[in-house]
Amino acid sequence: MMPDIVTMYFDADRRNDAEALLNTLAADAVVEDENARHQGSVAIRQWWLSAKKATQYIAEPLESTVDGDKAFVRASVSGQFTGSPVVLTHAFTIKDEKIIRLEIRS
């Protein structure tokens, strides 16, 4: 079962709700996606808005595992990009009910 904060992240992402998505993340959170690192709310907002605009992607969680403060979610990601859909692993690190790190990889 996914931690509540991770469920909230995917729900906000699906609704295209930047504010709700950012509220799941710590202020100094780090996101790593496509070999790029984005740290802090401003950088993460720019990354997320840019990815949504470019690909109109939808991420649908398929399965999740939890190990201590880490949650690993395999999600089917579909949108306007070559090879769609793909299954990507979202590796979340959680501290004090906030996401402090997210790594997205194939």
N, C-alpha and C. Protein backbone atom coordinates (compact mmCIF):
# COMPACT_ATOMS: atom_id res chain seq x y z
N MET A 1 0.83 -1.19 0.00
CA MET A 1 0.00 0.00 0.00
C MET A 1 0.87 1.26 0.00
N MET A 2 0.50 2.23 -0.80
CA MET A 2 1.29 3.46 -0.88
C MET A 2 1.05 4.30 0.36
N PRO A 3 2.11 4.98 0.84
CA PRO A 3 1.90 5.96 1.91
C PRO A 3 0.95 7.06 1.43
N ASP A 4 0.19 7.63 2.36
CA ASP A 4 -0.80 8.65 2.01
C ASP A 4 -0.19 9.80 1.22
N ILE A 5 0.99 10.25 1.61
CA ILE A 5 1.61 11.41 0.94
C ILE A 5 1.93 11.09 -0.52
N VAL A 6 2.28 9.83 -0.81
CA VAL A 6 2.57 9.41 -2.18
C VAL A 6 1.27 9.34 -2.98
N THR A 7 0.21 8.82 -2.36
CA THR A 7 -1.11 8.82 -3.02
C THR A 7 -1.52 10.25 -3.35
N MET A 8 -1.30 11.17 -2.40
CA MET A 8 -1.64 12.58 -2.63
C MET A 8 -0.83 13.16 -3.80
N TYR A 9 0.46 12.77 -3.91
CA TYR A 9 1.31 13.23 -5.01
C TYR A 9 0.70 12.80 -6.36
N PHE A 10 0.40 11.49 -6.50
CA PHE A 10 -0.14 11.00 -7.77
C PHE A 10 -1.52 11.60 -8.07
N ASP A 11 -2.35 11.79 -7.03
CA ASP A 11 -3.66 12.41 -7.23
C ASP A 11 -3.52 13.84 -7.75
N ALA A 12 -2.62 14.61 -7.14
CA ALA A 12 -2.39 16.00 -7.59
C ALA A 12 -1.84 16.03 -9.01
N ASP A 13 -0.92 15.11 -9.31
CA ASP A 13 -0.34 15.02 -10.64
C ASP A 13 -1.42 14.73 -11.67
N ARG A 14 -2.30 13.79 -11.36
CA ARG A 14 -3.38 13.41 -12.28
C ARG A 14 -4.34 14.57 -12.52
N ARG A 15 -4.59 15.38 -11.48
CA ARG A 15 -5.50 16.53 -11.60
C ARG A 15 -4.82 17.77 -12.19
N ASN A 16 -3.51 17.67 -12.49
CA ASN A 16 -2.73 18.81 -12.99
C ASN A 16 -2.75 19.96 -11.98
N ASP A 17 -2.66 19.64 -10.70
CA ASP A 17 -2.75 20.61 -9.61
C ASP A 17 -1.37 20.87 -9.03
N ALA A 18 -0.70 21.88 -9.56
CA ALA A 18 0.67 22.18 -9.15
C ALA A 18 0.77 22.49 -7.66
N GLU A 19 -0.17 23.27 -7.13
CA GLU A 19 -0.10 23.64 -5.71
C GLU A 19 -0.22 22.42 -4.81
N ALA A 20 -1.19 21.55 -5.10
CA ALA A 20 -1.37 20.35 -4.29
C ALA A 20 -0.15 19.45 -4.40
N LEU A 21 0.41 19.34 -5.60
CA LEU A 21 1.61 18.51 -5.78
C LEU A 21 2.77 19.07 -4.96
N LEU A 22 2.99 20.37 -5.04
CA LEU A 22 4.09 20.98 -4.29
C LEU A 22 3.88 20.85 -2.78
N ASN A 23 2.63 20.80 -2.34
CA ASN A 23 2.34 20.64 -0.92
C ASN A 23 2.72 19.27 -0.39
N THR A 24 2.94 18.29 -1.27
CA THR A 24 3.37 16.96 -0.82
C THR A 24 4.88 16.91 -0.60
N LEU A 25 5.58 17.92 -1.11
CA LEU A 25 7.04 17.94 -1.08
C LEU A 25 7.58 18.88 -0.01
N ALA A 26 8.70 18.49 0.60
CA ALA A 26 9.39 19.38 1.51
C ALA A 26 9.91 20.57 0.69
N ALA A 27 10.10 21.71 1.36
CA ALA A 27 10.53 22.94 0.67
C ALA A 27 11.85 22.76 -0.08
N ASP A 28 12.74 21.93 0.48
CA ASP A 28 14.06 21.73 -0.14
C ASP A 28 14.17 20.35 -0.80
N ALA A 29 13.04 19.79 -1.19
CA ALA A 29 13.02 18.47 -1.82
C ALA A 29 13.86 18.45 -3.09
N VAL A 30 14.27 17.23 -3.47
CA VAL A 30 15.04 17.02 -4.69
C VAL A 30 14.29 16.03 -5.58
N VAL A 31 14.17 16.37 -6.87
CA VAL A 31 13.60 15.47 -7.85
C VAL A 31 14.69 15.20 -8.90
N GLU A 32 14.89 13.92 -9.21
CA GLU A 32 15.81 13.54 -10.28
C GLU A 32 15.01 12.81 -11.34
N ASP A 33 15.06 13.33 -12.57
CA ASP A 33 14.30 12.79 -13.69
C ASP A 33 15.06 13.07 -14.97
N GLU A 34 15.17 12.06 -15.83
CA GLU A 34 15.85 12.21 -17.12
C GLU A 34 17.23 12.84 -16.96
N ASN A 35 18.01 12.31 -16.03
CA ASN A 35 19.39 12.75 -15.78
C ASN A 35 19.52 14.21 -15.38
N ALA A 36 18.45 14.79 -14.86
CA ALA A 36 18.50 16.18 -14.39
C ALA A 36 18.05 16.21 -12.94
N ARG A 37 18.61 17.15 -12.17
CA ARG A 37 18.29 17.28 -10.75
C ARG A 37 17.60 18.63 -10.54
N HIS A 38 16.49 18.61 -9.83
CA HIS A 38 15.70 19.81 -9.56
C HIS A 38 15.54 19.90 -8.05
N GLN A 39 16.00 20.99 -7.44
CA GLN A 39 15.92 21.11 -5.99
C GLN A 39 15.15 22.36 -5.59
N GLY A 40 14.23 22.19 -4.65
CA GLY A 40 13.44 23.30 -4.14
C GLY A 40 12.17 23.51 -4.92
N SER A 41 11.22 24.19 -4.29
CA SER A 41 9.87 24.35 -4.86
C SER A 41 9.86 25.03 -6.23
N VAL A 42 10.67 26.07 -6.41
CA VAL A 42 10.66 26.82 -7.67
C VAL A 42 11.14 25.93 -8.81
N ALA A 43 12.27 25.25 -8.61
CA ALA A 43 12.83 24.38 -9.65
C ALA A 43 11.90 23.20 -9.94
N ILE A 44 11.32 22.63 -8.90
CA ILE A 44 10.43 21.48 -9.10
C ILE A 44 9.17 21.90 -9.82
N ARG A 45 8.62 23.05 -9.49
CA ARG A 45 7.44 23.55 -10.20
C ARG A 45 7.76 23.72 -11.69
N GLN A 46 8.90 24.34 -12.01
CA GLN A 46 9.28 24.55 -13.42
C GLN A 46 9.42 23.21 -14.14
N TRP A 47 10.09 22.24 -13.51
CA TRP A 47 10.27 20.91 -14.11
C TRP A 47 8.92 20.27 -14.39
N TRP A 48 8.04 20.29 -13.38
CA TRP A 48 6.75 19.61 -13.50
C TRP A 48 5.87 20.27 -14.57
N LEU A 49 5.76 21.60 -14.54
CA LEU A 49 4.95 22.32 -15.53
C LEU A 49 5.48 22.09 -16.94
N SER A 50 6.80 22.10 -17.09
CA SER A 50 7.42 21.89 -18.39
C SER A 50 7.13 20.48 -18.92
N ALA A 51 7.25 19.48 -18.04
CA ALA A 51 6.99 18.09 -18.45
C ALA A 51 5.53 17.90 -18.82
N LYS A 52 4.63 18.47 -18.04
CA LYS A 52 3.20 18.36 -18.33
C LYS A 52 2.86 19.03 -19.66
N LYS A 53 3.41 20.23 -19.88
CA LYS A 53 3.13 20.97 -21.12
C LYS A 53 3.67 20.22 -22.34
N ALA A 54 4.88 19.68 -22.21
CA ALA A 54 5.53 19.04 -23.35
C ALA A 54 4.89 17.70 -23.73
N THR A 55 4.41 16.95 -22.72
CA THR A 55 3.98 15.58 -23.01
C THR A 55 2.55 15.26 -22.60
N GLN A 56 1.90 16.14 -21.84
CA GLN A 56 0.56 15.86 -21.32
C GLN A 56 0.48 14.46 -20.73
N TYR A 57 1.52 14.08 -19.98
CA TYR A 57 1.59 12.71 -19.47
C TYR A 57 0.59 12.45 -18.35
N ILE A 58 0.26 11.18 -18.21
CA ILE A 58 -0.55 10.68 -17.09
C ILE A 58 0.20 9.52 -16.49
N ALA A 59 0.40 9.55 -15.18
CA ALA A 59 1.08 8.46 -14.47
C ALA A 59 0.06 7.70 -13.63
N GLU A 60 -0.08 6.41 -13.93
CA GLU A 60 -1.03 5.56 -13.20
C GLU A 60 -0.24 4.51 -12.40
N PRO A 61 -0.27 4.61 -11.07
CA PRO A 61 0.45 3.63 -10.25
C PRO A 61 -0.05 2.21 -10.52
N LEU A 62 0.91 1.27 -10.63
CA LEU A 62 0.59 -0.13 -10.86
C LEU A 62 0.79 -0.95 -9.59
N GLU A 63 1.90 -0.71 -8.91
CA GLU A 63 2.21 -1.44 -7.69
C GLU A 63 3.20 -0.63 -6.87
N SER A 64 3.21 -0.90 -5.57
CA SER A 64 4.14 -0.17 -4.71
C SER A 64 4.67 -1.08 -3.61
N THR A 65 5.86 -0.75 -3.16
CA THR A 65 6.45 -1.41 -2.01
C THR A 65 7.03 -0.33 -1.12
N VAL A 66 7.05 -0.60 0.17
CA VAL A 66 7.58 0.35 1.15
C VAL A 66 8.69 -0.33 1.91
N ASP A 67 9.80 0.39 2.10
CA ASP A 67 10.94 -0.11 2.86
C ASP A 67 11.42 1.02 3.75
N GLY A 68 10.98 1.02 5.01
CA GLY A 68 11.37 2.09 5.93
C GLY A 68 10.81 3.42 5.46
N ASP A 69 11.70 4.40 5.22
CA ASP A 69 11.26 5.73 4.79
C ASP A 69 11.19 5.86 3.27
N LYS A 70 11.30 4.75 2.56
CA LYS A 70 11.27 4.78 1.10
C LYS A 70 10.04 4.05 0.58
N ALA A 71 9.46 4.61 -0.47
CA ALA A 71 8.34 3.97 -1.17
C ALA A 71 8.72 3.89 -2.65
N PHE A 72 8.57 2.72 -3.22
CA PHE A 72 8.88 2.49 -4.63
C PHE A 72 7.58 2.20 -5.35
N VAL A 73 7.26 3.02 -6.35
CA VAL A 73 6.01 2.87 -7.09
C VAL A 73 6.33 2.67 -8.57
N ARG A 74 5.87 1.55 -9.13
CA ARG A 74 5.95 1.35 -10.57
C ARG A 74 4.67 1.94 -11.15
N ALA A 75 4.84 2.82 -12.13
CA ALA A 75 3.68 3.49 -12.72
C ALA A 75 3.76 3.43 -14.24
N SER A 76 2.60 3.25 -14.84
CA SER A 76 2.49 3.33 -16.30
C SER A 76 2.33 4.81 -16.65
N VAL A 77 3.25 5.30 -17.46
CA VAL A 77 3.25 6.71 -17.84
C VAL A 77 2.98 6.80 -19.34
N SER A 78 1.87 7.48 -19.67
CA SER A 78 1.50 7.62 -21.08
C SER A 78 1.34 9.11 -21.40
N GLY A 79 1.56 9.44 -22.65
CA GLY A 79 1.43 10.83 -23.07
C GLY A 79 1.96 11.01 -24.48
N GLN A 80 2.25 12.27 -24.80
CA GLN A 80 2.71 12.63 -26.14
C GLN A 80 4.23 12.53 -26.22
N PHE A 81 4.75 11.30 -26.15
CA PHE A 81 6.20 11.10 -26.29
C PHE A 81 6.46 9.75 -26.93
N THR A 82 7.61 9.63 -27.57
CA THR A 82 7.99 8.41 -28.27
C THR A 82 8.07 7.26 -27.28
N GLY A 83 7.47 6.13 -27.65
CA GLY A 83 7.52 4.94 -26.82
C GLY A 83 6.40 4.85 -25.79
N SER A 84 5.50 5.82 -25.80
CA SER A 84 4.40 5.83 -24.83
C SER A 84 3.48 4.63 -25.07
N PRO A 85 3.03 3.94 -24.02
CA PRO A 85 3.35 4.19 -22.61
C PRO A 85 4.62 3.46 -22.18
N VAL A 86 5.19 3.93 -21.08
CA VAL A 86 6.35 3.28 -20.47
C VAL A 86 6.04 3.03 -19.00
N VAL A 87 6.75 2.07 -18.43
CA VAL A 87 6.62 1.83 -16.99
C VAL A 87 7.87 2.39 -16.33
N LEU A 88 7.66 3.33 -15.42
CA LEU A 88 8.76 3.98 -14.72
C LEU A 88 8.64 3.73 -13.22
N THR A 89 9.79 3.64 -12.57
CA THR A 89 9.82 3.51 -11.11
C THR A 89 9.99 4.89 -10.50
N HIS A 90 9.11 5.21 -9.58
CA HIS A 90 9.18 6.45 -8.81
C HIS A 90 9.66 6.05 -7.42
N ALA A 91 10.87 6.46 -7.05
CA ALA A 91 11.43 6.13 -5.74
C ALA A 91 11.32 7.36 -4.84
N PHE A 92 10.43 7.28 -3.87
CA PHE A 92 10.18 8.39 -2.95
C PHE A 92 10.91 8.16 -1.64
N THR A 93 11.50 9.22 -1.09
CA THR A 93 12.00 9.20 0.28
C THR A 93 11.14 10.17 1.07
N ILE A 94 10.65 9.69 2.22
CA ILE A 94 9.67 10.46 3.01
C ILE A 94 10.25 10.76 4.39
N LYS A 95 10.03 11.99 4.83
CA LYS A 95 10.45 12.40 6.18
C LYS A 95 9.41 13.37 6.71
N ASP A 96 8.94 13.14 7.93
CA ASP A 96 7.95 14.02 8.57
C ASP A 96 6.73 14.25 7.67
N GLU A 97 6.23 13.15 7.07
CA GLU A 97 5.02 13.21 6.23
C GLU A 97 5.16 14.10 4.99
N LYS A 98 6.40 14.32 4.54
CA LYS A 98 6.65 15.06 3.29
C LYS A 98 7.62 14.25 2.44
N ILE A 99 7.51 14.43 1.14
CA ILE A 99 8.47 13.81 0.21
C ILE A 99 9.71 14.69 0.18
N ILE A 100 10.86 14.11 0.52
CA ILE A 100 12.10 14.88 0.50
C ILE A 100 12.94 14.57 -0.73
N ARG A 101 12.64 13.42 -1.38
CA ARG A 101 13.39 13.05 -2.57
C ARG A 101 12.51 12.18 -3.46
N LEU A 102 12.61 12.41 -4.76
CA LEU A 102 11.92 11.58 -5.75
C LEU A 102 12.88 11.34 -6.91
N GLU A 103 13.10 10.06 -7.18
CA GLU A 103 13.91 9.67 -8.35
C GLU A 103 12.99 8.89 -9.29
N ILE A 104 12.94 9.35 -10.54
CA ILE A 104 12.11 8.69 -11.56
C ILE A 104 13.05 8.04 -12.57
N ARG A 105 12.89 6.74 -12.75
CA ARG A 105 13.79 6.02 -13.65
C ARG A 105 13.07 4.85 -14.31
N SER A 106 13.67 4.39 -15.41
CA SER A 106 13.06 3.26 -16.12
C SER A 106 13.51 1.95 -15.50
